[in-house]
N, C-alpha and C. Protein backbone atom coordinates (compact mmCIF):
# COMPACT_ATOMS: atom_id res chain seq x y z
N MET A 1 0.77 -1.30 0.02
CA MET A 1 0.03 0.38 -0.44
C MET A 1 0.99 1.42 0.17
N SER A 2 0.37 2.31 -0.05
CA SER A 2 1.45 3.75 -0.48
C SER A 2 1.14 4.20 0.64
N GLY A 3 0.62 4.58 1.84
CA GLY A 3 0.91 4.49 2.92
C GLY A 3 0.27 5.72 3.76
N GLN A 4 -0.91 6.22 2.47
CA GLN A 4 -1.77 7.35 2.21
C GLN A 4 -2.82 7.13 3.40
N GLN A 5 -3.16 8.14 3.94
CA GLN A 5 -4.58 7.91 4.76
C GLN A 5 -5.79 7.73 3.51
N PRO A 6 -6.75 6.84 3.76
CA PRO A 6 -8.22 7.00 3.01
C PRO A 6 -9.04 8.12 3.18
N LYS A 7 -9.38 8.95 2.27
CA LYS A 7 -9.94 9.76 2.12
C LYS A 7 -11.59 9.53 2.78
N HIS A 8 -12.05 10.88 3.64
CA HIS A 8 -13.51 10.42 4.70
C HIS A 8 -14.28 10.48 2.86
N TRP A 9 -15.70 9.67 3.27
CA TRP A 9 -16.61 10.11 1.93
C TRP A 9 -17.01 11.74 2.13
N TYR A 10 -17.04 12.24 3.13
CA TYR A 10 -17.11 13.87 2.87
C TYR A 10 -16.22 14.62 2.28
N SER A 11 -15.40 14.57 2.86
CA SER A 11 -14.41 15.12 1.78
C SER A 11 -14.70 15.14 0.00
N GLU A 12 -15.12 14.01 -0.21
CA GLU A 12 -14.75 14.44 -1.67
C GLU A 12 -16.04 15.25 -2.44
N PRO A 13 -16.22 16.26 -3.14
CA PRO A 13 -16.85 16.77 -4.04
C PRO A 13 -17.60 16.42 -4.59
N TRP A 14 -17.63 14.55 -5.57
CA TRP A 14 -18.91 14.19 -6.09
C TRP A 14 -19.54 13.86 -5.58
N VAL A 15 -19.41 13.42 -3.90
CA VAL A 15 -20.66 13.04 -3.20
C VAL A 15 -21.77 14.05 -2.60
N TRP A 16 -20.91 15.43 -2.30
CA TRP A 16 -21.42 16.85 -2.72
C TRP A 16 -22.29 16.64 -3.54
N LEU A 17 -21.96 17.11 -5.01
CA LEU A 17 -22.57 17.11 -5.60
C LEU A 17 -23.97 16.48 -6.15
N VAL A 18 -23.55 15.02 -5.78
CA VAL A 18 -25.20 13.62 -5.67
C VAL A 18 -25.81 13.76 -4.82
N ILE A 19 -25.46 14.26 -3.40
CA ILE A 19 -26.40 15.03 -2.75
C ILE A 19 -27.45 15.95 -3.37
N ALA A 20 -26.65 17.42 -3.46
CA ALA A 20 -26.83 18.81 -4.17
C ALA A 20 -28.10 18.41 -4.27
N LEU A 21 -27.83 17.80 -5.48
CA LEU A 21 -29.41 17.29 -7.04
C LEU A 21 -30.50 17.12 -6.22
N PRO A 22 -30.63 16.48 -5.52
CA PRO A 22 -31.63 15.49 -5.13
C PRO A 22 -32.33 16.71 -3.84
N LEU A 23 -31.41 17.50 -3.37
CA LEU A 23 -31.61 18.29 -2.00
C LEU A 23 -32.57 19.77 -2.34
N THR A 24 -31.93 20.14 -3.28
CA THR A 24 -32.36 20.98 -4.23
C THR A 24 -33.74 21.02 -4.60
N ALA A 25 -33.99 19.77 -5.59
CA ALA A 25 -35.56 19.94 -6.07
C ALA A 25 -36.70 19.48 -4.66
N VAL A 26 -36.23 18.76 -3.44
CA VAL A 26 -36.78 18.74 -2.14
C VAL A 26 -37.05 20.42 -1.53
N ILE A 27 -35.96 21.21 -1.61
CA ILE A 27 -36.31 21.85 -1.10
C ILE A 27 -37.36 23.14 -1.83
N GLY A 28 -37.06 23.01 -2.93
CA GLY A 28 -38.13 23.63 -4.12
C GLY A 28 -39.30 23.66 -4.10
N GLY A 29 -39.66 21.78 -3.45
CA GLY A 29 -40.59 21.34 -3.41
C GLY A 29 -41.12 21.58 -2.27
N MET A 30 -40.53 22.04 -1.22
CA MET A 30 -41.31 22.33 -0.08
C MET A 30 -41.64 24.24 0.09
N ILE A 31 -40.78 24.73 -0.61
CA ILE A 31 -41.41 26.12 -1.01
C ILE A 31 -42.56 26.19 -1.86
N THR A 32 -42.65 25.69 -2.70
CA THR A 32 -43.71 25.64 -3.78
C THR A 32 -45.38 25.13 -3.01
N LEU A 33 -44.96 24.24 -1.91
CA LEU A 33 -45.83 23.77 -1.06
C LEU A 33 -46.58 25.10 -0.34
N TYR A 34 -45.96 25.32 0.44
CA TYR A 34 -45.67 26.62 1.36
C TYR A 34 -46.71 28.01 0.42
N LEU A 35 -45.95 28.13 -0.93
CA LEU A 35 -46.56 29.26 -1.51
C LEU A 35 -47.88 28.86 -2.15
N ALA A 36 -48.45 27.26 -2.23
CA ALA A 36 -49.69 26.98 -2.72
C ALA A 36 -50.81 27.18 -1.19
N ILE A 37 -49.98 26.42 -0.70
CA ILE A 37 -50.93 27.14 0.75
C ILE A 37 -51.30 28.15 1.33
N SER A 38 -50.44 29.02 1.62
CA SER A 38 -50.57 30.38 1.97
C SER A 38 -51.06 31.37 1.38
N THR A 39 -50.98 31.16 -0.37
CA THR A 39 -51.96 32.12 -1.10
C THR A 39 -53.10 31.91 -1.59
N SER A 40 -53.84 32.54 -1.70
CA SER A 40 -55.03 32.59 -2.02
C SER A 40 -55.84 32.57 -3.75
N ASP A 41 -56.44 31.73 -4.37
CA ASP A 41 -56.48 31.59 -5.39
C ASP A 41 -57.55 32.69 -5.88
N GLY A 42 -57.26 33.08 -6.93
CA GLY A 42 -58.58 33.85 -7.72
C GLY A 42 -59.39 33.00 -8.03
N LEU A 43 -60.95 33.55 -7.60
CA LEU A 43 -61.79 32.07 -7.84
C LEU A 43 -63.01 32.54 -9.20
N VAL A 44 -62.76 31.36 -9.79
CA VAL A 44 -63.36 31.06 -11.20
C VAL A 44 -65.22 31.56 -11.14
N VAL A 45 -65.83 32.36 -12.36
CA VAL A 45 -67.21 32.60 -12.24
C VAL A 45 -67.63 31.05 -12.38
N ASP A 46 -68.76 30.80 -11.59
CA ASP A 46 -69.49 29.16 -12.03
C ASP A 46 -70.60 29.55 -12.98
N ASP A 47 -71.14 30.77 -12.97
CA ASP A 47 -72.48 30.58 -13.89
C ASP A 47 -72.43 31.82 -14.22
N TYR A 48 -71.82 32.03 -15.77
CA TYR A 48 -71.65 32.42 -16.66
C TYR A 48 -72.67 33.10 -17.36
N TYR A 49 -73.40 32.63 -17.78
CA TYR A 49 -74.77 33.19 -17.70
C TYR A 49 -75.08 34.35 -17.54
N LYS A 50 -75.12 34.19 -15.90
CA LYS A 50 -75.67 34.75 -14.70
C LYS A 50 -74.71 35.81 -14.94
N ARG A 51 -73.33 36.03 -15.16
CA ARG A 51 -72.46 37.31 -14.93
C ARG A 51 -72.97 38.11 -16.53
N GLY A 52 -73.09 36.96 -17.08
CA GLY A 52 -73.40 38.00 -18.62
C GLY A 52 -74.23 38.97 -18.30
N LYS A 53 -75.52 38.56 -17.46
CA LYS A 53 -76.67 39.56 -17.63
C LYS A 53 -76.51 40.77 -16.87
N ALA A 54 -75.24 40.58 -15.74
CA ALA A 54 -74.64 41.49 -15.03
C ALA A 54 -74.20 42.44 -15.41
N ILE A 55 -73.01 42.47 -16.48
CA ILE A 55 -72.22 43.17 -17.25
C ILE A 55 -72.88 44.05 -17.54
N ASN A 56 -74.45 43.24 -18.26
CA ASN A 56 -75.78 44.61 -19.23
C ASN A 56 -76.13 45.81 -17.90
N LEU A 57 -76.20 45.25 -16.72
CA LEU A 57 -76.70 46.06 -15.81
C LEU A 57 -75.18 46.82 -15.64
N ASP A 58 -74.16 46.85 -15.49
CA ASP A 58 -72.87 47.18 -15.27
C ASP A 58 -72.97 48.40 -16.69
N LEU A 59 -73.33 47.74 -17.73
CA LEU A 59 -73.38 49.04 -18.76
C LEU A 59 -74.46 50.34 -18.60
N ALA A 60 -75.52 49.55 -17.83
CA ALA A 60 -76.69 50.72 -18.03
C ALA A 60 -76.24 51.50 -16.81
N ARG A 61 -75.26 51.43 -15.78
CA ARG A 61 -74.97 52.01 -14.81
C ARG A 61 -74.35 53.33 -14.88
N ASP A 62 -73.45 52.68 -16.17
CA ASP A 62 -72.11 53.52 -16.85
C ASP A 62 -73.18 54.48 -17.68
N ASP A 63 -74.66 54.11 -18.66
CA ASP A 63 -75.09 54.77 -19.32
C ASP A 63 -75.57 56.09 -18.29
N ALA A 64 -76.36 55.90 -17.06
CA ALA A 64 -76.65 56.59 -15.77
C ALA A 64 -76.12 57.54 -15.16
N ALA A 65 -74.78 57.53 -15.07
CA ALA A 65 -73.99 58.46 -15.33
C ALA A 65 -73.68 59.37 -16.00
N LEU A 66 -73.71 59.09 -17.17
CA LEU A 66 -73.51 59.96 -18.58
C LEU A 66 -74.84 61.00 -18.25
N ARG A 67 -75.67 60.25 -18.41
CA ARG A 67 -77.01 61.56 -18.39
C ARG A 67 -76.89 61.93 -16.83
N TYR A 68 -76.59 62.02 -15.76
CA TYR A 68 -76.42 62.33 -14.97
C TYR A 68 -74.84 63.91 -14.86
N GLN A 69 -74.30 63.33 -16.06
CA GLN A 69 -73.11 64.05 -16.42
C GLN A 69 -72.24 64.26 -14.77
N LEU A 70 -72.29 63.12 -14.63
CA LEU A 70 -71.30 62.96 -12.98
C LEU A 70 -69.81 63.19 -13.27
N THR A 71 -68.98 63.85 -12.38
CA THR A 71 -67.61 63.99 -12.76
C THR A 71 -67.32 63.53 -11.20
N ALA A 72 -66.19 62.68 -11.02
CA ALA A 72 -65.59 63.14 -9.62
C ALA A 72 -63.78 62.70 -9.25
N SER A 73 -63.75 63.38 -8.16
CA SER A 73 -61.81 63.65 -7.95
C SER A 73 -61.75 62.73 -6.52
N LEU A 74 -60.97 62.03 -6.96
CA LEU A 74 -60.62 61.34 -6.01
C LEU A 74 -58.78 61.20 -5.63
N VAL A 75 -58.39 61.46 -4.64
CA VAL A 75 -57.52 61.82 -3.84
C VAL A 75 -56.93 60.48 -2.74
N LEU A 76 -55.96 60.50 -2.29
CA LEU A 76 -55.09 58.87 -1.44
C LEU A 76 -54.12 60.22 -0.92
N TYR A 77 -54.57 59.51 0.85
CA TYR A 77 -53.42 60.66 1.71
C TYR A 77 -53.50 60.16 2.46
N GLN A 78 -51.66 59.86 2.18
CA GLN A 78 -50.65 58.98 3.35
C GLN A 78 -50.94 57.53 3.21
N GLY A 79 -51.32 56.85 1.80
CA GLY A 79 -51.42 55.69 1.75
C GLY A 79 -52.95 55.01 2.12
N ASN A 80 -53.70 55.60 3.10
CA ASN A 80 -54.96 54.84 3.61
C ASN A 80 -56.01 55.96 4.03
N SER A 81 -55.96 56.81 4.04
CA SER A 81 -56.78 58.10 3.94
C SER A 81 -57.62 57.92 2.46
N VAL A 82 -58.60 58.47 2.05
CA VAL A 82 -59.25 58.13 0.78
C VAL A 82 -60.43 59.92 1.27
N GLN A 83 -60.07 60.82 0.25
CA GLN A 83 -61.20 61.44 0.13
C GLN A 83 -61.94 61.60 -1.53
N LEU A 84 -63.03 61.92 -1.75
CA LEU A 84 -63.61 61.87 -3.30
C LEU A 84 -64.63 62.77 -2.84
N GLN A 85 -64.16 64.05 -3.90
CA GLN A 85 -65.29 64.94 -4.45
C GLN A 85 -66.13 64.61 -5.58
N LEU A 86 -67.76 64.57 -5.54
CA LEU A 86 -68.61 64.31 -6.11
C LEU A 86 -69.61 65.39 -6.62
N GLY A 87 -69.57 65.48 -7.88
CA GLY A 87 -70.75 66.53 -8.52
C GLY A 87 -71.83 66.16 -8.09
N ALA A 88 -72.60 67.27 -8.24
CA ALA A 88 -73.83 66.95 -7.55
C ALA A 88 -75.39 66.04 -8.33
N ILE A 89 -75.86 65.36 -8.47
CA ILE A 89 -76.68 64.63 -9.31
C ILE A 89 -78.52 65.13 -9.13
N ASN A 90 -78.47 66.03 -9.52
CA ASN A 90 -79.96 66.78 -9.85
C ASN A 90 -80.25 67.53 -8.35
N GLY A 91 -79.00 68.28 -8.21
CA GLY A 91 -78.88 68.76 -6.39
C GLY A 91 -78.91 68.45 -5.51
N THR A 92 -78.40 66.78 -5.66
CA THR A 92 -78.22 65.76 -4.05
C THR A 92 -77.35 65.38 -4.14
N TRP A 93 -77.28 64.56 -3.34
CA TRP A 93 -75.88 63.52 -2.92
C TRP A 93 -76.29 62.43 -2.27
N PRO A 94 -75.77 61.03 -3.07
CA PRO A 94 -76.20 60.03 -1.99
C PRO A 94 -75.35 60.04 -1.01
N ALA A 95 -76.29 59.28 0.30
CA ALA A 95 -75.41 59.27 1.69
C ALA A 95 -74.78 58.43 2.16
N THR A 96 -74.24 57.63 1.08
CA THR A 96 -73.26 56.96 0.90
C THR A 96 -72.73 56.63 -0.76
N VAL A 97 -71.41 56.49 -0.81
CA VAL A 97 -70.92 55.66 -2.42
C VAL A 97 -70.27 54.98 -1.27
N ARG A 98 -70.12 53.87 -2.62
CA ARG A 98 -69.32 52.70 -2.52
C ARG A 98 -67.92 52.66 -3.34
N LEU A 99 -66.81 52.72 -2.55
CA LEU A 99 -65.79 52.62 -3.43
C LEU A 99 -64.83 51.24 -3.19
N SER A 100 -64.46 50.86 -4.74
CA SER A 100 -64.12 49.82 -5.35
C SER A 100 -62.53 49.73 -5.41
N LEU A 101 -61.49 49.11 -4.75
CA LEU A 101 -59.97 49.33 -5.04
C LEU A 101 -60.28 48.16 -5.66
N LEU A 102 -59.82 47.58 -6.86
CA LEU A 102 -59.71 46.13 -7.79
C LEU A 102 -58.34 46.14 -7.92
N HIS A 103 -57.90 45.28 -7.15
CA HIS A 103 -56.03 44.88 -7.77
C HIS A 103 -56.51 44.00 -9.41
N PRO A 104 -55.31 44.57 -10.36
CA PRO A 104 -55.69 43.98 -11.31
C PRO A 104 -55.48 42.38 -11.58
N THR A 105 -54.16 41.84 -10.79
CA THR A 105 -54.03 39.83 -11.05
C THR A 105 -54.60 39.58 -9.39
N ARG A 106 -54.60 39.95 -8.39
CA ARG A 106 -54.71 39.17 -7.44
C ARG A 106 -55.97 39.67 -6.64
N ALA A 107 -57.09 38.83 -6.90
CA ALA A 107 -58.24 39.45 -5.98
C ALA A 107 -58.29 39.76 -4.75
N GLY A 108 -57.29 38.99 -3.73
CA GLY A 108 -57.21 39.03 -2.29
C GLY A 108 -56.85 40.29 -2.00
N LEU A 109 -56.21 41.29 -2.57
CA LEU A 109 -55.95 42.26 -2.52
C LEU A 109 -56.98 43.95 -2.42
N ASP A 110 -58.54 43.46 -3.05
CA ASP A 110 -59.13 44.06 -3.81
C ASP A 110 -59.87 44.46 -1.80
N GLN A 111 -60.10 45.96 -2.34
CA GLN A 111 -60.84 46.27 -1.07
C GLN A 111 -62.09 47.28 -1.93
N VAL A 112 -63.13 47.38 -0.72
CA VAL A 112 -64.71 47.58 -1.00
C VAL A 112 -64.66 48.31 0.31
N VAL A 113 -65.22 49.58 0.33
CA VAL A 113 -65.13 50.86 1.55
C VAL A 113 -66.09 51.54 1.37
N GLN A 114 -67.09 51.68 2.11
CA GLN A 114 -68.50 52.84 1.79
C GLN A 114 -68.01 54.03 2.65
N LEU A 115 -68.14 54.82 1.75
CA LEU A 115 -67.79 56.42 2.04
C LEU A 115 -68.97 57.42 2.35
N PRO A 116 -69.03 57.89 3.49
CA PRO A 116 -69.96 58.91 4.01
C PRO A 116 -69.87 59.78 3.41
N HIS A 117 -71.45 60.80 3.43
CA HIS A 117 -71.06 61.91 2.46
C HIS A 117 -70.59 62.53 4.01
N SER A 118 -70.03 64.05 3.77
CA SER A 118 -69.43 64.85 5.00
C SER A 118 -70.23 66.11 4.44
N GLY A 119 -70.80 66.20 3.62
CA GLY A 119 -71.06 67.73 3.04
C GLY A 119 -70.81 67.82 1.73
N ALA A 120 -71.23 69.08 1.24
CA ALA A 120 -70.92 69.54 -0.27
C ALA A 120 -70.17 68.62 -1.36
N GLY A 121 -70.48 67.14 -1.26
CA GLY A 121 -69.88 66.43 -2.70
C GLY A 121 -68.91 65.70 -1.79
N ASN A 122 -68.51 65.90 -0.86
CA ASN A 122 -67.49 65.49 -0.41
C ASN A 122 -67.25 64.66 0.54
N TYR A 123 -66.64 62.89 0.21
CA TYR A 123 -66.42 62.08 0.86
C TYR A 123 -65.35 61.53 1.49
N HIS A 124 -65.16 60.97 3.02
CA HIS A 124 -64.06 60.70 3.34
C HIS A 124 -64.05 59.02 4.33
N GLY A 125 -62.74 58.71 4.05
CA GLY A 125 -62.75 57.05 4.44
C GLY A 125 -61.24 56.41 4.25
N ARG A 126 -61.63 55.31 5.05
CA ARG A 126 -59.66 54.68 5.60
C ARG A 126 -59.78 53.35 4.45
N ILE A 127 -58.58 53.30 3.71
CA ILE A 127 -58.44 52.04 3.50
C ILE A 127 -57.49 51.36 3.84
N ASP A 128 -56.86 50.03 3.68
CA ASP A 128 -55.93 49.29 3.90
C ASP A 128 -54.46 49.85 2.88
N ALA A 129 -53.65 50.18 3.34
CA ALA A 129 -52.33 50.67 2.28
C ALA A 129 -52.26 49.77 0.73
N LEU A 130 -52.07 50.30 -0.28
CA LEU A 130 -52.23 50.19 -1.46
C LEU A 130 -50.76 49.83 -1.86
N GLY A 131 -50.49 48.64 -2.61
CA GLY A 131 -49.11 48.42 -2.91
C GLY A 131 -48.85 49.15 -4.43
N GLY A 132 -48.08 49.13 -4.62
CA GLY A 132 -47.89 50.08 -6.13
C GLY A 132 -48.31 49.37 -7.19
N GLY A 133 -48.62 50.50 -8.14
CA GLY A 133 -48.78 49.95 -9.57
C GLY A 133 -50.21 50.52 -9.57
N HIS A 134 -51.33 50.18 -11.03
CA HIS A 134 -52.42 50.35 -11.12
C HIS A 134 -53.17 49.57 -10.91
N TRP A 135 -54.15 50.57 -10.22
CA TRP A 135 -55.73 49.73 -9.59
C TRP A 135 -56.63 50.46 -10.37
N TYR A 136 -57.49 49.02 -10.36
CA TYR A 136 -59.18 49.66 -11.13
C TYR A 136 -59.73 50.20 -9.94
N VAL A 137 -60.55 51.44 -10.51
CA VAL A 137 -61.62 52.07 -9.65
C VAL A 137 -62.64 51.96 -9.78
N GLN A 138 -63.72 51.66 -9.21
CA GLN A 138 -65.39 51.93 -9.02
C GLN A 138 -66.11 52.77 -7.99
N ILE A 139 -66.56 53.50 -8.21
CA ILE A 139 -67.55 54.21 -7.59
C ILE A 139 -68.81 54.03 -7.87
N GLU A 140 -69.35 53.44 -6.95
CA GLU A 140 -71.41 53.28 -7.35
C GLU A 140 -71.98 54.01 -5.86
N ALA A 141 -73.15 54.26 -6.80
CA ALA A 141 -74.23 54.58 -5.76
C ALA A 141 -75.47 54.33 -6.58
N ASP A 142 -76.27 54.17 -5.88
CA ASP A 142 -77.93 54.13 -6.28
C ASP A 142 -78.21 53.19 -7.77
N ASP A 143 -78.51 54.15 -8.94
CA ASP A 143 -77.96 53.69 -10.41
C ASP A 143 -76.86 53.90 -11.11
N TRP A 144 -75.91 54.28 -10.30
CA TRP A 144 -75.14 55.09 -11.91
C TRP A 144 -73.48 54.16 -11.25
N ARG A 145 -72.68 54.39 -11.80
CA ARG A 145 -70.97 54.07 -11.52
C ARG A 145 -70.22 54.51 -12.50
N LEU A 146 -68.84 55.16 -11.81
CA LEU A 146 -67.27 55.69 -12.36
C LEU A 146 -66.64 54.80 -12.51
N SER A 147 -65.92 54.67 -13.04
CA SER A 147 -64.87 53.82 -12.89
C SER A 147 -63.34 54.63 -13.82
N GLY A 148 -62.44 54.07 -13.58
CA GLY A 148 -61.01 54.33 -13.86
C GLY A 148 -60.00 54.06 -13.10
N THR A 149 -58.80 54.34 -13.80
CA THR A 149 -57.72 53.15 -13.36
C THR A 149 -56.88 54.29 -12.51
N LEU A 150 -56.09 53.88 -11.35
CA LEU A 150 -55.66 54.53 -10.02
C LEU A 150 -53.72 54.00 -10.47
N PRO A 151 -53.23 55.46 -10.77
CA PRO A 151 -51.55 54.64 -10.41
C PRO A 151 -50.99 55.04 -8.82
N VAL A 152 -50.46 54.12 -8.41
CA VAL A 152 -49.92 53.95 -6.80
C VAL A 152 -48.61 53.90 -6.99
N PRO A 153 -47.95 54.79 -6.80
CA PRO A 153 -48.09 56.10 -5.68
C PRO A 153 -48.70 57.22 -6.22
N GLN A 154 -49.85 57.57 -6.18
CA GLN A 154 -50.61 58.51 -6.83
C GLN A 154 -50.13 60.15 -6.76
N THR A 155 -49.83 60.95 -7.93
CA THR A 155 -49.29 62.35 -8.40
C THR A 155 -50.40 63.53 -8.57
N ALA A 156 -51.27 63.31 -8.62
CA ALA A 156 -52.61 64.18 -8.95
C ALA A 156 -53.69 62.95 -8.71
N PRO A 157 -54.87 64.04 -8.50
CA PRO A 157 -55.88 63.73 -8.29
C PRO A 157 -56.39 62.77 -9.35
N LEU A 158 -57.27 61.43 -9.00
CA LEU A 158 -57.87 60.96 -10.19
C LEU A 158 -59.08 61.47 -10.90
N ILE A 159 -59.20 62.15 -11.86
CA ILE A 159 -60.93 62.15 -12.49
C ILE A 159 -61.44 61.87 -13.21
N LEU A 160 -62.75 61.01 -12.51
CA LEU A 160 -63.49 60.05 -12.97
C LEU A 160 -64.38 60.70 -13.89
N VAL A 161 -65.03 60.45 -15.10
CA VAL A 161 -65.70 61.15 -15.97
C VAL A 161 -66.85 59.56 -16.60
N PRO A 162 -67.65 59.64 -16.35
CA PRO A 162 -68.33 58.41 -17.22
C PRO A 162 -67.85 58.08 -18.44
N VAL A 163 -67.81 56.82 -18.60
CA VAL A 163 -67.96 55.81 -20.08
C VAL A 163 -68.19 56.06 -20.80
N LYS A 164 -68.17 56.80 -22.27
CA LYS A 164 -69.16 56.77 -23.24
C LYS A 164 -69.06 55.73 -24.04
C-alpha cells in the first residue's frame, strides 16, 4: 500500500454534488407547497350566463352616470385615507358611495369601502395601504357607476368621468 490515509466520504466533492441535486429539488418542492397553501387563488365564476346578464346591468349604470353628467375627483392621503369629491346629482348627493379598489391580478388584495357623505359632495374614508402599480377604481351608488384606473403612488388627483 502507498501509506496514504484513505479519504473520508464527506471530503469528496462528487459525493456533495450527488447529494445537492436531489436536495435542491426537495427544498424547491417545500417552497412551492408553502406558497400554494399560504396564498389564495382567484375564484372562477361558475355561472357565466348570470355574470353576462350582470355585465349588461353594469353598462346601464355607466349610461346613468353619463345622463347625470357625473364627475368625481379621488385623492389618497398618506396611503390609507381617501377623499372623494363628487359632482351633484340633480342637486343632491347620495348618503354613501361604495368605493371599490380592485387589483388587476390578485383578487385577495381588493378593497371595498363605504364612504359617508360629509357635506358639499365630499366623501371621506379609510382604506388599507395599497401596493404600487395600477389599480382599477369603481365608485357606485344607487343606479350609476364611475370607473377608472388609479396609479399608485398617486401624483395627481384621479378625475373620473362617465364612459361613453
